[in-house]
Amino acid sequence: MNLDSAINSCPYCGESIEFFIEPLEEVQEYFEDCTVCCQPIQILVIPNIETGTPDVRFLCANDTF
């Protein structure tokens, strides 16, 4: 399995964290705990066909998009 890595800031503590996503052609949504503050982060991965690079959003667990 080939995973892509991305770096984004935790919406709770602001620390930069690296995470891995599986390159798929569909929207992915899952939760992962911040490695610094342990808060649950909602990760939303939206494929971008034009650029080939997915758009990745980190949200607080109770946020809506």
C-alpha atoms as a PDB file:
ATOM      1  CA  MET A   1       0.000   0.000   0.000  1.00  0.00           C
ATOM      2  CA  ASN A   2       1.349   3.416  -0.975  1.00  0.00           C
ATOM      3  CA  LEU A   3       0.596   6.178   1.558  1.00  0.00           C
ATOM      4  CA  ASP A   4       1.063   9.919   1.097  1.00  0.00           C
ATOM      5  CA  SER A   5       2.206  12.059   3.995  1.00  0.00           C
ATOM      6  CA  ALA A   6       0.967  15.532   4.842  1.00  0.00           C
ATOM      7  CA  ILE A   7       1.682  18.057   7.572  1.00  0.00           C
ATOM      8  CA  ASN A   8      -1.031  20.208   9.085  1.00  0.00           C
ATOM      9  CA  SER A   9      -1.665  22.103  12.329  1.00  0.00           C
ATOM     10  CA  CYS A  10      -3.783  20.679  15.130  1.00  0.00           C
ATOM     11  CA  PRO A  11      -6.990  22.758  15.467  1.00  0.00           C
ATOM     12  CA  TYR A  12      -6.687  22.508  19.271  1.00  0.00           C
ATOM     13  CA  CYS A  13      -3.044  23.158  20.197  1.00  0.00           C
ATOM     14  CA  GLY A  14      -1.678  24.508  16.880  1.00  0.00           C
ATOM     15  CA  GLU A  15       1.278  22.110  16.726  1.00  0.00           C
ATOM     16  CA  SER A  16       2.324  20.845  13.308  1.00  0.00           C
ATOM     17  CA  ILE A  17       1.785  17.111  12.993  1.00  0.00           C
ATOM     18  CA  GLU A  18       2.480  14.669  10.200  1.00  0.00           C
ATOM     19  CA  PHE A  19      -0.127  12.133   9.187  1.00  0.00           C
ATOM     20  CA  PHE A  20      -0.535   9.619   6.407  1.00  0.00           C
ATOM     21  CA  ILE A  21      -3.378   9.318   3.924  1.00  0.00           C
ATOM     22  CA  GLU A  22      -4.201   6.640   1.420  1.00  0.00           C
ATOM     23  CA  PRO A  23      -4.473   8.147  -2.082  1.00  0.00           C
ATOM     24  CA  LEU A  24      -8.026   7.393  -3.179  1.00  0.00           C
ATOM     25  CA  GLU A  25     -10.387   8.980  -5.683  1.00  0.00           C
ATOM     26  CA  GLU A  26     -13.125   9.452  -3.109  1.00  0.00           C
ATOM     27  CA  VAL A  27     -13.660  11.704  -0.097  1.00  0.00           C
ATOM     28  CA  GLN A  28     -12.195  10.289   3.102  1.00  0.00           C
ATOM     29  CA  GLU A  29     -13.242  11.273   6.605  1.00  0.00           C
ATOM     30  CA  TYR A  30     -11.767   9.825   9.761  1.00  0.00           C
ATOM     31  CA  PHE A  31     -10.607  10.725  13.268  1.00  0.00           C
ATOM     32  CA  GLU A  32      -7.079  10.628  14.606  1.00  0.00           C
ATOM     33  CA  ASP A  33      -5.772  11.855  17.959  1.00  0.00           C
ATOM     34  CA  CYS A  34      -3.226  14.683  17.999  1.00  0.00           C
ATOM     35  CA  THR A  35       0.176  13.287  18.942  1.00  0.00           C
ATOM     36  CA  VAL A  36       0.839  16.358  21.123  1.00  0.00           C
ATOM     37  CA  CYS A  37      -2.394  17.194  23.000  1.00  0.00           C
ATOM     38  CA  CYS A  38      -4.311  13.906  22.392  1.00  0.00           C
ATOM     39  CA  GLN A  39      -7.490  15.677  21.250  1.00  0.00           C
ATOM     40  CA  PRO A  40      -9.539  13.949  18.515  1.00  0.00           C
ATOM     41  CA  ILE A  41      -9.022  15.584  15.108  1.00  0.00           C
ATOM     42  CA  GLN A  42     -11.517  15.096  12.311  1.00  0.00           C
ATOM     43  CA  ILE A  43      -9.502  14.696   9.107  1.00  0.00           C
ATOM     44  CA  LEU A  44     -11.248  15.365   5.812  1.00  0.00           C
ATOM     45  CA  VAL A  45      -9.417  14.441   2.601  1.00  0.00           C
ATOM     46  CA  ILE A  46     -10.975  15.699  -0.640  1.00  0.00           C
ATOM     47  CA  PRO A  47      -9.425  14.565  -3.944  1.00  0.00           C
ATOM     48  CA  ASN A  48      -8.466  17.389  -6.299  1.00  0.00           C
ATOM     49  CA  ILE A  49      -8.411  16.006  -9.825  1.00  0.00           C
ATOM     50  CA  GLU A  50      -7.034  19.248 -11.319  1.00  0.00           C
ATOM     51  CA  THR A  51      -3.879  19.382  -9.172  1.00  0.00           C
ATOM     52  CA  GLY A  52      -3.536  15.702  -8.319  1.00  0.00           C
ATOM     53  CA  THR A  53      -2.942  16.687  -4.690  1.00  0.00           C
ATOM     54  CA  PRO A  54      -5.783  16.132  -2.225  1.00  0.00           C
ATOM     55  CA  ASP A  55      -7.166  18.998  -0.155  1.00  0.00           C
ATOM     56  CA  VAL A  56      -6.775  18.095   3.520  1.00  0.00           C
ATOM     57  CA  ARG A  57      -8.669  19.765   6.351  1.00  0.00           C
ATOM     58  CA  PHE A  58      -8.166  19.316  10.089  1.00  0.00           C
ATOM     59  CA  LEU A  59     -11.265  20.085  12.138  1.00  0.00           C
ATOM     60  CA  CYS A  60     -12.177  19.905  15.804  1.00  0.00           C
ATOM     61  CA  ALA A  61     -14.236  16.787  16.487  1.00  0.00           C
ATOM     62  CA  ASN A  62     -17.437  18.815  16.928  1.00  0.00           C
ATOM     63  CA  ASP A  63     -16.956  21.101  13.874  1.00  0.00           C
ATOM     64  CA  THR A  64     -19.044  20.747  10.756  1.00  0.00           C
ATOM     65  CA  PHE A  65     -17.891  21.360   7.191  1.00  0.00           C
END
